[in-house]
Amino acid sequence: MNDDGTGLLTIGELARATGLSVRTIRYWSDEGVLTPVTRSPGGYRLYDAQGVARLELIRTLRELGLGLDDVRQVLAGERTVAQVAATHVAALDAQIRSLKVTRAVLSSVARRDSTAREMTLMNKLARLSAAERQRIMAEFVAEALQGLDAVDPEVRERLRATTVDLAPDPTPEEVDAWVELAEMLQDPEFRAQMRRAMELNSADGAPGEARGRSLWFAKRLVELVAPARARGITPESPEAEPVLSDLFGDAPRADVLERMAAGFNERVARYRELIALVNRAPAPSHAEDFAWVVAALRARTDS
């Protein structure tokens, strides 16, 4: 306490009382968040007991990460501590989300031993907004379906409803999946492949036809193939022929293979798997059953 009997404190005494440095207190005074009550005859700033309490509040707010503008507004009564805290929580949440994405990208880069170019692309794709990710998907779907009015309505609606919901706190594996999916969605070869699958689906139907024929066929395929696979019947074996006959009758196997291979192949299976990974959804089921049918057809057409 100053020895002039006023009960006021110099900056040095205030520093000793609070444990803060003289430099910090002087800086906060210069910035106008800690105002001295008066000055000594020698020009030194003097503070009262309220200044000590004010200094403790400033220190607490600063330790919580608030900027001096926020601190100044609280001290001036322009905003309450609760209002500033709520704003700061929102800002921290955004920062935490960004840091989680950064961590996932760096973890993926380290694991994949990515080049600088690959890292740049990965970071860019990982930070796309939800709207931007959905725009990429929507463009892919629009190209696949354009002008094909006879596509099974159930298939068309499911394709259009496909979302890409990368979590705010993605794992490195989810970042990997989204980057691979984004590259696939923009790959001209895969886009042409999906377009061909929709053209074949459309050729099998007619505008206004009852919905669900494709899903009915998929269900029927699983009902026939899953038991055959469980019995150990391989696609190349003679025992596979009755299964194919039940599914396709006497339709030319080469024609059937074209349709099956367009809609059920490794790239399409990977596409569905990536969608599930990004969306944290259950993995697609029965891919092995469809692969079995394609293999069985190919074994009877490749010669």
C-alpha atoms as a PDB file:
ATOM      1  CA  MET A   1       0.000   0.000   0.000  1.00  0.00           C
ATOM      2  CA  ASN A   2       1.213   3.486  -0.812  1.00  0.00           C
ATOM      3  CA  ASP A   3       2.671   5.144   2.284  1.00  0.00           C
ATOM      4  CA  ASP A   4       0.897   8.476   1.715  1.00  0.00           C
ATOM      5  CA  GLY A   5      -2.101   7.273   3.712  1.00  0.00           C
ATOM      6  CA  THR A   6      -4.490   7.273   0.763  1.00  0.00           C
ATOM      7  CA  GLY A   7      -4.782   3.472   0.571  1.00  0.00           C
ATOM      8  CA  LEU A   8      -3.923   3.589  -3.121  1.00  0.00           C
ATOM      9  CA  LEU A   9      -1.514   1.215  -4.867  1.00  0.00           C
ATOM     10  CA  THR A  10       1.174   1.852  -7.433  1.00  0.00           C
ATOM     11  CA  ILE A  11       1.593  -0.540 -10.359  1.00  0.00           C
ATOM     12  CA  GLY A  12       4.498  -2.186  -8.553  1.00  0.00           C
ATOM     13  CA  GLU A  13       2.427  -2.743  -5.423  1.00  0.00           C
ATOM     14  CA  LEU A  14      -0.494  -3.986  -7.489  1.00  0.00           C
ATOM     15  CA  ALA A  15       1.841  -6.461  -9.224  1.00  0.00           C
ATOM     16  CA  ARG A  16       3.072  -7.830  -5.909  1.00  0.00           C
ATOM     17  CA  ALA A  17      -0.489  -8.106  -4.589  1.00  0.00           C
ATOM     18  CA  THR A  18      -1.786 -10.026  -7.608  1.00  0.00           C
ATOM     19  CA  GLY A  19       1.266 -11.896  -8.877  1.00  0.00           C
ATOM     20  CA  LEU A  20       0.961 -10.272 -12.304  1.00  0.00           C
ATOM     21  CA  SER A  21       3.906  -8.556 -13.956  1.00  0.00           C
ATOM     22  CA  VAL A  22       4.280  -4.776 -13.985  1.00  0.00           C
ATOM     23  CA  ARG A  23       4.524  -4.959 -17.754  1.00  0.00           C
ATOM     24  CA  THR A  24       1.155  -6.755 -18.076  1.00  0.00           C
ATOM     25  CA  ILE A  25      -0.631  -4.329 -15.737  1.00  0.00           C
ATOM     26  CA  ARG A  26       0.850  -1.338 -17.550  1.00  0.00           C
ATOM     27  CA  TYR A  27      -0.225  -2.796 -20.909  1.00  0.00           C
ATOM     28  CA  TRP A  28      -3.799  -3.336 -19.734  1.00  0.00           C
ATOM     29  CA  SER A  29      -3.843   0.204 -18.379  1.00  0.00           C
ATOM     30  CA  ASP A  30      -2.566   1.565 -21.688  1.00  0.00           C
ATOM     31  CA  GLU A  31      -5.322  -0.374 -23.481  1.00  0.00           C
ATOM     32  CA  GLY A  32      -7.976   1.225 -21.269  1.00  0.00           C
ATOM     33  CA  VAL A  33      -9.278  -1.882 -19.508  1.00  0.00           C
ATOM     34  CA  LEU A  34      -7.694  -1.015 -16.138  1.00  0.00           C
ATOM     35  CA  THR A  35      -8.069   2.674 -15.396  1.00  0.00           C
ATOM     36  CA  PRO A  36      -6.107   4.275 -12.513  1.00  0.00           C
ATOM     37  CA  VAL A  37      -8.147   6.374 -10.089  1.00  0.00           C
ATOM     38  CA  THR A  38      -5.523   9.097 -10.057  1.00  0.00           C
ATOM     39  CA  ARG A  39      -1.817   9.779 -10.434  1.00  0.00           C
ATOM     40  CA  SER A  40       0.784  10.613  -7.852  1.00  0.00           C
ATOM     41  CA  PRO A  41       2.541  14.007  -7.823  1.00  0.00           C
ATOM     42  CA  GLY A  42       5.364  12.229  -9.650  1.00  0.00           C
ATOM     43  CA  GLY A  43       2.999  11.043 -12.394  1.00  0.00           C
ATOM     44  CA  TYR A  44       2.726   7.415 -11.308  1.00  0.00           C
ATOM     45  CA  ARG A  45      -0.604   5.649 -11.806  1.00  0.00           C
ATOM     46  CA  LEU A  46      -2.464   4.760  -8.601  1.00  0.00           C
ATOM     47  CA  TYR A  47      -5.205   2.171  -8.123  1.00  0.00           C
ATOM     48  CA  ASP A  48      -7.761   1.544  -5.381  1.00  0.00           C
ATOM     49  CA  ALA A  49      -9.228  -1.666  -3.951  1.00  0.00           C
ATOM     50  CA  GLN A  50     -11.825  -1.805  -6.738  1.00  0.00           C
ATOM     51  CA  GLY A  51      -8.923  -1.749  -9.183  1.00  0.00           C
ATOM     52  CA  VAL A  52      -7.591  -4.923  -7.554  1.00  0.00           C
ATOM     53  CA  ALA A  53     -10.947  -6.676  -8.016  1.00  0.00           C
ATOM     54  CA  ARG A  54     -11.149  -5.344 -11.579  1.00  0.00           C
ATOM     55  CA  LEU A  55      -7.678  -6.676 -12.283  1.00  0.00           C
ATOM     56  CA  GLU A  56      -8.621 -10.135 -11.019  1.00  0.00           C
ATOM     57  CA  LEU A  57     -11.654 -10.173 -13.332  1.00  0.00           C
ATOM     58  CA  ILE A  58      -9.519  -9.095 -16.281  1.00  0.00           C
ATOM     59  CA  ARG A  59      -7.007 -11.816 -15.545  1.00  0.00           C
ATOM     60  CA  THR A  60      -9.757 -14.473 -15.336  1.00  0.00           C
ATOM     61  CA  LEU A  61     -11.340 -13.377 -18.610  1.00  0.00           C
ATOM     62  CA  ARG A  62      -7.963 -13.308 -20.350  1.00  0.00           C
ATOM     63  CA  GLU A  63      -7.036 -16.767 -19.027  1.00  0.00           C
ATOM     64  CA  LEU A  64     -10.297 -18.032 -20.524  1.00  0.00           C
ATOM     65  CA  GLY A  65      -9.122 -16.719 -23.882  1.00  0.00           C
ATOM     66  CA  LEU A  66     -11.271 -13.590 -24.279  1.00  0.00           C
ATOM     67  CA  GLY A  67      -9.838 -10.711 -26.256  1.00  0.00           C
ATOM     68  CA  LEU A  68      -9.370  -7.250 -24.814  1.00  0.00           C
ATOM     69  CA  ASP A  69     -12.367  -5.903 -26.777  1.00  0.00           C
ATOM     70  CA  ASP A  70     -14.635  -8.471 -25.066  1.00  0.00           C
ATOM     71  CA  VAL A  71     -13.063  -7.678 -21.696  1.00  0.00           C
ATOM     72  CA  ARG A  72     -13.577  -3.974 -22.250  1.00  0.00           C
ATOM     73  CA  GLN A  73     -17.269  -4.497 -23.112  1.00  0.00           C
ATOM     74  CA  VAL A  74     -17.837  -6.580 -19.965  1.00  0.00           C
ATOM     75  CA  LEU A  75     -16.150  -4.001 -17.739  1.00  0.00           C
ATOM     76  CA  ALA A  76     -18.098  -1.181 -19.378  1.00  0.00           C
ATOM     77  CA  GLY A  77     -21.393  -3.022 -18.784  1.00  0.00           C
ATOM     78  CA  GLU A  78     -22.119  -3.240 -22.513  1.00  0.00           C
ATOM     79  CA  ARG A  79     -22.281  -7.045 -22.350  1.00  0.00           C
ATOM     80  CA  THR A  80     -22.688  -9.510 -19.519  1.00  0.00           C
ATOM     81  CA  VAL A  81     -20.138 -12.151 -18.683  1.00  0.00           C
ATOM     82  CA  ALA A  82     -22.697 -14.789 -19.678  1.00  0.00           C
ATOM     83  CA  GLN A  83     -23.195 -13.234 -23.124  1.00  0.00           C
ATOM     84  CA  VAL A  84     -19.476 -13.027 -23.780  1.00  0.00           C
ATOM     85  CA  ALA A  85     -18.973 -16.574 -22.506  1.00  0.00           C
ATOM     86  CA  ALA A  86     -21.675 -17.927 -24.831  1.00  0.00           C
ATOM     87  CA  THR A  87     -20.092 -16.186 -27.816  1.00  0.00           C
ATOM     88  CA  HIS A  88     -16.685 -17.492 -26.863  1.00  0.00           C
ATOM     89  CA  VAL A  89     -17.984 -21.046 -26.442  1.00  0.00           C
ATOM     90  CA  ALA A  90     -19.344 -20.934 -30.005  1.00  0.00           C
ATOM     91  CA  ALA A  91     -16.009 -19.668 -31.292  1.00  0.00           C
ATOM     92  CA  LEU A  92     -14.145 -22.382 -29.388  1.00  0.00           C
ATOM     93  CA  ASP A  93     -16.479 -25.046 -30.745  1.00  0.00           C
ATOM     94  CA  ALA A  94     -15.684 -23.923 -34.292  1.00  0.00           C
ATOM     95  CA  GLN A  95     -11.979 -23.887 -33.510  1.00  0.00           C
ATOM     96  CA  ILE A  96     -12.146 -27.362 -31.968  1.00  0.00           C
ATOM     97  CA  ARG A  97     -13.960 -28.714 -35.030  1.00  0.00           C
ATOM     98  CA  SER A  98     -11.290 -27.195 -37.261  1.00  0.00           C
ATOM     99  CA  LEU A  99      -8.520 -28.682 -35.124  1.00  0.00           C
ATOM    100  CA  LYS A 100     -10.141 -32.120 -35.268  1.00  0.00           C
ATOM    101  CA  VAL A 101     -10.265 -31.936 -39.059  1.00  0.00           C
ATOM    102  CA  THR A 102      -6.633 -30.786 -39.097  1.00  0.00           C
ATOM    103  CA  ARG A 103      -5.624 -33.676 -36.856  1.00  0.00           C
ATOM    104  CA  ALA A 104      -7.473 -36.203 -39.008  1.00  0.00           C
ATOM    105  CA  VAL A 105      -5.893 -34.849 -42.207  1.00  0.00           C
ATOM    106  CA  LEU A 106      -2.376 -34.871 -40.732  1.00  0.00           C
ATOM    107  CA  SER A 107      -2.867 -38.378 -39.337  1.00  0.00           C
ATOM    108  CA  SER A 108      -4.011 -39.564 -42.753  1.00  0.00           C
ATOM    109  CA  VAL A 109      -1.090 -37.828 -44.478  1.00  0.00           C
ATOM    110  CA  ALA A 110       1.378 -39.457 -42.074  1.00  0.00           C
ATOM    111  CA  ARG A 111      -0.179 -42.898 -42.492  1.00  0.00           C
ATOM    112  CA  ARG A 112      -0.372 -42.732 -46.287  1.00  0.00           C
ATOM    113  CA  ASP A 113       3.027 -41.030 -46.693  1.00  0.00           C
ATOM    114  CA  SER A 114       1.258 -38.483 -48.907  1.00  0.00           C
ATOM    115  CA  THR A 115       3.032 -36.022 -51.171  1.00  0.00           C
ATOM    116  CA  ALA A 116       2.616 -32.265 -50.730  1.00  0.00           C
ATOM    117  CA  ARG A 117       0.134 -32.208 -53.626  1.00  0.00           C
ATOM    118  CA  GLU A 118      -1.921 -35.045 -52.139  1.00  0.00           C
ATOM    119  CA  MET A 119      -1.902 -33.356 -48.734  1.00  0.00           C
ATOM    120  CA  THR A 120      -3.150 -30.086 -50.263  1.00  0.00           C
ATOM    121  CA  LEU A 121      -5.998 -31.871 -52.044  1.00  0.00           C
ATOM    122  CA  MET A 122      -6.892 -33.867 -48.938  1.00  0.00           C
ATOM    123  CA  ASN A 123      -7.013 -30.740 -46.778  1.00  0.00           C
ATOM    124  CA  LYS A 124      -9.140 -28.888 -49.333  1.00  0.00           C
ATOM    125  CA  LEU A 125     -11.654 -31.726 -49.658  1.00  0.00           C
ATOM    126  CA  ALA A 126     -11.839 -32.320 -45.893  1.00  0.00           C
ATOM    127  CA  ARG A 127     -12.719 -28.659 -45.270  1.00  0.00           C
ATOM    128  CA  LEU A 128     -15.513 -28.396 -47.812  1.00  0.00           C
ATOM    129  CA  SER A 129     -18.815 -27.345 -46.311  1.00  0.00           C
ATOM    130  CA  ALA A 130     -21.726 -29.773 -46.115  1.00  0.00           C
ATOM    131  CA  ALA A 131     -23.396 -27.862 -48.949  1.00  0.00           C
ATOM    132  CA  GLU A 132     -20.298 -28.124 -51.135  1.00  0.00           C
ATOM    133  CA  ARG A 133     -19.988 -31.865 -50.500  1.00  0.00           C
ATOM    134  CA  GLN A 134     -23.655 -32.361 -51.355  1.00  0.00           C
ATOM    135  CA  ARG A 135     -23.248 -30.284 -54.522  1.00  0.00           C
ATOM    136  CA  ILE A 136     -20.557 -32.712 -55.749  1.00  0.00           C
ATOM    137  CA  MET A 137     -22.876 -35.637 -55.063  1.00  0.00           C
ATOM    138  CA  ALA A 138     -25.876 -33.908 -56.674  1.00  0.00           C
ATOM    139  CA  GLU A 139     -23.930 -33.201 -59.865  1.00  0.00           C
ATOM    140  CA  PHE A 140     -22.852 -36.834 -60.031  1.00  0.00           C
ATOM    141  CA  VAL A 141     -26.437 -38.086 -59.613  1.00  0.00           C
ATOM    142  CA  ALA A 142     -27.877 -35.569 -62.083  1.00  0.00           C
ATOM    143  CA  GLU A 143     -25.465 -36.730 -64.792  1.00  0.00           C
ATOM    144  CA  ALA A 144     -26.263 -40.384 -64.110  1.00  0.00           C
ATOM    145  CA  LEU A 145     -30.044 -39.876 -64.380  1.00  0.00           C
ATOM    146  CA  GLN A 146     -30.392 -37.119 -66.971  1.00  0.00           C
ATOM    147  CA  GLY A 147     -33.133 -37.920 -69.465  1.00  0.00           C
ATOM    148  CA  LEU A 148     -33.742 -41.459 -68.200  1.00  0.00           C
ATOM    149  CA  ASP A 149     -37.430 -41.373 -67.305  1.00  0.00           C
ATOM    150  CA  ALA A 150     -37.814 -45.170 -67.172  1.00  0.00           C
ATOM    151  CA  VAL A 151     -35.286 -45.768 -64.379  1.00  0.00           C
ATOM    152  CA  ASP A 152     -36.957 -47.660 -61.537  1.00  0.00           C
ATOM    153  CA  PRO A 153     -38.463 -44.857 -59.378  1.00  0.00           C
ATOM    154  CA  GLU A 154     -37.190 -46.533 -56.225  1.00  0.00           C
ATOM    155  CA  VAL A 155     -33.638 -46.542 -57.566  1.00  0.00           C
ATOM    156  CA  ARG A 156     -33.931 -42.957 -58.785  1.00  0.00           C
ATOM    157  CA  GLU A 157     -35.223 -41.686 -55.447  1.00  0.00           C
ATOM    158  CA  ARG A 158     -32.614 -43.560 -53.441  1.00  0.00           C
ATOM    159  CA  LEU A 159     -29.818 -42.245 -55.625  1.00  0.00           C
ATOM    160  CA  ARG A 160     -31.074 -38.664 -55.346  1.00  0.00           C
ATOM    161  CA  ALA A 161     -31.409 -39.024 -51.572  1.00  0.00           C
ATOM    162  CA  THR A 162     -27.781 -40.104 -51.128  1.00  0.00           C
ATOM    163  CA  THR A 163     -26.043 -37.752 -48.708  1.00  0.00           C
ATOM    164  CA  VAL A 164     -22.425 -37.137 -47.769  1.00  0.00           C
ATOM    165  CA  ASP A 165     -22.400 -36.335 -44.055  1.00  0.00           C
ATOM    166  CA  LEU A 166     -18.749 -36.124 -43.034  1.00  0.00           C
ATOM    167  CA  ALA A 167     -18.704 -35.756 -39.246  1.00  0.00           C
ATOM    168  CA  PRO A 168     -17.451 -32.489 -37.684  1.00  0.00           C
ATOM    169  CA  ASP A 169     -14.828 -34.607 -35.887  1.00  0.00           C
ATOM    170  CA  PRO A 170     -13.827 -37.043 -38.630  1.00  0.00           C
ATOM    171  CA  THR A 171     -11.401 -39.868 -38.005  1.00  0.00           C
ATOM    172  CA  PRO A 172      -8.410 -40.258 -40.335  1.00  0.00           C
ATOM    173  CA  GLU A 173     -10.205 -43.232 -41.897  1.00  0.00           C
ATOM    174  CA  GLU A 174     -13.290 -41.099 -42.590  1.00  0.00           C
ATOM    175  CA  VAL A 175     -11.145 -38.375 -44.169  1.00  0.00           C
ATOM    176  CA  ASP A 176      -9.511 -41.045 -46.337  1.00  0.00           C
ATOM    177  CA  ALA A 177     -12.933 -42.355 -47.335  1.00  0.00           C
ATOM    178  CA  TRP A 178     -14.268 -38.899 -48.240  1.00  0.00           C
ATOM    179  CA  VAL A 179     -11.179 -38.011 -50.291  1.00  0.00           C
ATOM    180  CA  GLU A 180     -11.421 -41.305 -52.192  1.00  0.00           C
ATOM    181  CA  LEU A 181     -15.175 -40.852 -52.680  1.00  0.00           C
ATOM    182  CA  ALA A 182     -14.800 -37.254 -53.897  1.00  0.00           C
ATOM    183  CA  GLU A 183     -12.185 -38.354 -56.428  1.00  0.00           C
ATOM    184  CA  MET A 184     -14.464 -41.191 -57.563  1.00  0.00           C
ATOM    185  CA  LEU A 185     -17.477 -38.890 -57.963  1.00  0.00           C
ATOM    186  CA  GLN A 186     -15.440 -36.628 -60.241  1.00  0.00           C
ATOM    187  CA  ASP A 187     -13.762 -39.439 -62.186  1.00  0.00           C
ATOM    188  CA  PRO A 188     -15.079 -39.394 -65.798  1.00  0.00           C
ATOM    189  CA  GLU A 189     -14.720 -43.182 -66.097  1.00  0.00           C
ATOM    190  CA  PHE A 190     -16.759 -43.879 -62.978  1.00  0.00           C
ATOM    191  CA  ARG A 191     -19.360 -41.279 -63.943  1.00  0.00           C
ATOM    192  CA  ALA A 192     -19.706 -42.987 -67.337  1.00  0.00           C
ATOM    193  CA  GLN A 193     -19.977 -46.355 -65.616  1.00  0.00           C
ATOM    194  CA  MET A 194     -22.790 -45.182 -63.333  1.00  0.00           C
ATOM    195  CA  ARG A 195     -24.511 -43.569 -66.307  1.00  0.00           C
ATOM    196  CA  ARG A 196     -24.347 -46.862 -68.219  1.00  0.00           C
ATOM    197  CA  ALA A 197     -25.849 -48.721 -65.252  1.00  0.00           C
ATOM    198  CA  MET A 198     -28.768 -46.279 -65.180  1.00  0.00           C
ATOM    199  CA  GLU A 199     -29.239 -46.570 -68.955  1.00  0.00           C
ATOM    200  CA  LEU A 200     -29.517 -50.350 -68.643  1.00  0.00           C
ATOM    201  CA  ASN A 201     -31.928 -49.999 -65.740  1.00  0.00           C
ATOM    202  CA  SER A 202     -34.019 -47.597 -67.801  1.00  0.00           C
ATOM    203  CA  ALA A 203     -33.982 -49.941 -70.807  1.00  0.00           C
ATOM    204  CA  ASP A 204     -35.529 -52.671 -68.676  1.00  0.00           C
ATOM    205  CA  GLY A 205     -38.488 -50.516 -67.689  1.00  0.00           C
ATOM    206  CA  ALA A 206     -40.970 -47.963 -68.971  1.00  0.00           C
ATOM    207  CA  PRO A 207     -42.076 -44.521 -67.750  1.00  0.00           C
ATOM    208  CA  GLY A 208     -44.759 -44.816 -65.099  1.00  0.00           C
ATOM    209  CA  GLU A 209     -43.971 -48.453 -64.360  1.00  0.00           C
ATOM    210  CA  ALA A 210     -44.520 -49.666 -60.799  1.00  0.00           C
ATOM    211  CA  ARG A 211     -41.632 -48.897 -58.511  1.00  0.00           C
ATOM    212  CA  GLY A 212     -39.390 -51.432 -56.870  1.00  0.00           C
ATOM    213  CA  ARG A 213     -38.668 -53.928 -59.659  1.00  0.00           C
ATOM    214  CA  SER A 214     -34.894 -53.516 -59.162  1.00  0.00           C
ATOM    215  CA  LEU A 215     -35.138 -54.001 -55.423  1.00  0.00           C
ATOM    216  CA  TRP A 216     -37.377 -57.034 -55.903  1.00  0.00           C
ATOM    217  CA  PHE A 217     -34.724 -58.563 -58.152  1.00  0.00           C
ATOM    218  CA  ALA A 218     -31.980 -57.793 -55.604  1.00  0.00           C
ATOM    219  CA  LYS A 219     -33.984 -59.486 -52.867  1.00  0.00           C
ATOM    220  CA  ARG A 220     -34.609 -62.506 -55.068  1.00  0.00           C
ATOM    221  CA  LEU A 221     -30.909 -62.731 -55.930  1.00  0.00           C
ATOM    222  CA  VAL A 222     -29.903 -62.808 -52.267  1.00  0.00           C
ATOM    223  CA  GLU A 223     -32.565 -65.451 -51.485  1.00  0.00           C
ATOM    224  CA  LEU A 224     -31.107 -67.730 -54.147  1.00  0.00           C
ATOM    225  CA  VAL A 225     -27.393 -67.021 -53.945  1.00  0.00           C
ATOM    226  CA  ALA A 226     -26.800 -66.793 -50.193  1.00  0.00           C
ATOM    227  CA  PRO A 227     -27.849 -70.427 -49.569  1.00  0.00           C
ATOM    228  CA  ALA A 228     -25.788 -71.594 -52.552  1.00  0.00           C
ATOM    229  CA  ARG A 229     -22.725 -69.841 -51.230  1.00  0.00           C
ATOM    230  CA  ALA A 230     -23.385 -71.282 -47.777  1.00  0.00           C
ATOM    231  CA  ARG A 231     -23.355 -74.762 -49.321  1.00  0.00           C
ATOM    232  CA  GLY A 232     -19.974 -74.049 -50.838  1.00  0.00           C
ATOM    233  CA  ILE A 233     -21.121 -73.824 -54.445  1.00  0.00           C
ATOM    234  CA  THR A 234     -18.554 -71.854 -56.426  1.00  0.00           C
ATOM    235  CA  PRO A 235     -19.467 -69.557 -59.347  1.00  0.00           C
ATOM    236  CA  GLU A 236     -17.592 -71.762 -61.826  1.00  0.00           C
ATOM    237  CA  SER A 237     -19.159 -75.060 -60.754  1.00  0.00           C
ATOM    238  CA  PRO A 238     -21.995 -76.801 -62.667  1.00  0.00           C
ATOM    239  CA  GLU A 239     -24.135 -76.478 -59.516  1.00  0.00           C
ATOM    240  CA  ALA A 240     -24.256 -72.714 -60.078  1.00  0.00           C
ATOM    241  CA  GLU A 241     -26.237 -73.082 -63.302  1.00  0.00           C
ATOM    242  CA  PRO A 242     -29.643 -73.767 -61.651  1.00  0.00           C
ATOM    243  CA  VAL A 243     -29.243 -70.574 -59.618  1.00  0.00           C
ATOM    244  CA  LEU A 244     -28.604 -68.542 -62.768  1.00  0.00           C
ATOM    245  CA  SER A 245     -31.551 -70.182 -64.487  1.00  0.00           C
ATOM    246  CA  ASP A 246     -33.858 -69.324 -61.603  1.00  0.00           C
ATOM    247  CA  LEU A 247     -32.689 -65.705 -61.785  1.00  0.00           C
ATOM    248  CA  PHE A 248     -32.475 -65.091 -65.522  1.00  0.00           C
ATOM    249  CA  GLY A 249     -34.345 -67.912 -67.234  1.00  0.00           C
ATOM    250  CA  ASP A 250     -33.045 -68.484 -70.757  1.00  0.00           C
ATOM    251  CA  ALA A 251     -31.907 -64.883 -71.312  1.00  0.00           C
ATOM    252  CA  PRO A 252     -28.576 -64.687 -73.181  1.00  0.00           C
ATOM    253  CA  ARG A 253     -25.865 -64.799 -70.539  1.00  0.00           C
ATOM    254  CA  ALA A 254     -23.727 -62.171 -72.279  1.00  0.00           C
ATOM    255  CA  ASP A 255     -26.581 -59.644 -72.180  1.00  0.00           C
ATOM    256  CA  VAL A 256     -27.293 -60.429 -68.547  1.00  0.00           C
ATOM    257  CA  LEU A 257     -23.607 -60.114 -67.682  1.00  0.00           C
ATOM    258  CA  GLU A 258     -23.440 -56.625 -69.173  1.00  0.00           C
ATOM    259  CA  ARG A 259     -26.330 -55.462 -67.014  1.00  0.00           C
ATOM    260  CA  MET A 260     -25.049 -57.131 -63.865  1.00  0.00           C
ATOM    261  CA  ALA A 261     -21.453 -55.985 -64.311  1.00  0.00           C
ATOM    262  CA  ALA A 262     -22.570 -52.379 -64.848  1.00  0.00           C
ATOM    263  CA  GLY A 263     -24.471 -52.210 -61.596  1.00  0.00           C
ATOM    264  CA  PHE A 264     -22.517 -54.643 -59.445  1.00  0.00           C
ATOM    265  CA  ASN A 265     -18.743 -54.521 -59.749  1.00  0.00           C
ATOM    266  CA  GLU A 266     -15.767 -53.717 -57.569  1.00  0.00           C
ATOM    267  CA  ARG A 267     -15.920 -49.960 -58.148  1.00  0.00           C
ATOM    268  CA  VAL A 268     -19.649 -49.736 -57.461  1.00  0.00           C
ATOM    269  CA  ALA A 269     -19.172 -51.870 -54.353  1.00  0.00           C
ATOM    270  CA  ARG A 270     -16.362 -49.581 -53.219  1.00  0.00           C
ATOM    271  CA  TYR A 271     -18.537 -46.522 -53.891  1.00  0.00           C
ATOM    272  CA  ARG A 272     -21.248 -47.893 -51.598  1.00  0.00           C
ATOM    273  CA  GLU A 273     -18.702 -48.828 -48.976  1.00  0.00           C
ATOM    274  CA  LEU A 274     -17.233 -45.311 -49.005  1.00  0.00           C
ATOM    275  CA  ILE A 275     -20.694 -43.733 -48.661  1.00  0.00           C
ATOM    276  CA  ALA A 276     -21.264 -45.854 -45.559  1.00  0.00           C
ATOM    277  CA  LEU A 277     -17.853 -45.009 -44.087  1.00  0.00           C
ATOM    278  CA  VAL A 278     -18.276 -41.255 -44.570  1.00  0.00           C
ATOM    279  CA  ASN A 279     -21.813 -41.279 -43.166  1.00  0.00           C
ATOM    280  CA  ARG A 280     -20.940 -43.599 -40.259  1.00  0.00           C
ATOM    281  CA  ALA A 281     -23.644 -45.916 -41.522  1.00  0.00           C
ATOM    282  CA  PRO A 282     -23.734 -49.734 -41.496  1.00  0.00           C
ATOM    283  CA  ALA A 283     -21.603 -51.337 -44.179  1.00  0.00           C
ATOM    284  CA  PRO A 284     -23.483 -52.454 -47.307  1.00  0.00           C
ATOM    285  CA  SER A 285     -24.598 -56.064 -47.156  1.00  0.00           C
ATOM    286  CA  HIS A 286     -24.765 -58.873 -49.729  1.00  0.00           C
ATOM    287  CA  ALA A 287     -21.988 -57.503 -51.962  1.00  0.00           C
ATOM    288  CA  GLU A 288     -20.524 -61.019 -52.036  1.00  0.00           C
ATOM    289  CA  ASP A 289     -23.793 -62.428 -53.394  1.00  0.00           C
ATOM    290  CA  PHE A 290     -23.822 -60.017 -56.332  1.00  0.00           C
ATOM    291  CA  ALA A 291     -20.127 -60.611 -56.975  1.00  0.00           C
ATOM    292  CA  TRP A 292     -20.844 -64.368 -57.048  1.00  0.00           C
ATOM    293  CA  VAL A 293     -23.485 -63.916 -59.748  1.00  0.00           C
ATOM    294  CA  VAL A 294     -21.190 -61.739 -61.877  1.00  0.00           C
ATOM    295  CA  ALA A 295     -18.398 -64.291 -61.533  1.00  0.00           C
ATOM    296  CA  ALA A 296     -20.770 -67.123 -62.463  1.00  0.00           C
ATOM    297  CA  LEU A 297     -21.972 -65.277 -65.559  1.00  0.00           C
ATOM    298  CA  ARG A 298     -18.445 -64.364 -66.575  1.00  0.00           C
ATOM    299  CA  ALA A 299     -17.335 -67.987 -66.210  1.00  0.00           C
ATOM    300  CA  ARG A 300     -19.989 -68.946 -68.768  1.00  0.00           C
ATOM    301  CA  THR A 301     -19.337 -66.162 -71.286  1.00  0.00           C
ATOM    302  CA  ASP A 302     -15.540 -65.855 -71.250  1.00  0.00           C
ATOM    303  CA  SER A 303     -14.127 -68.388 -73.628  1.00  0.00           C
END
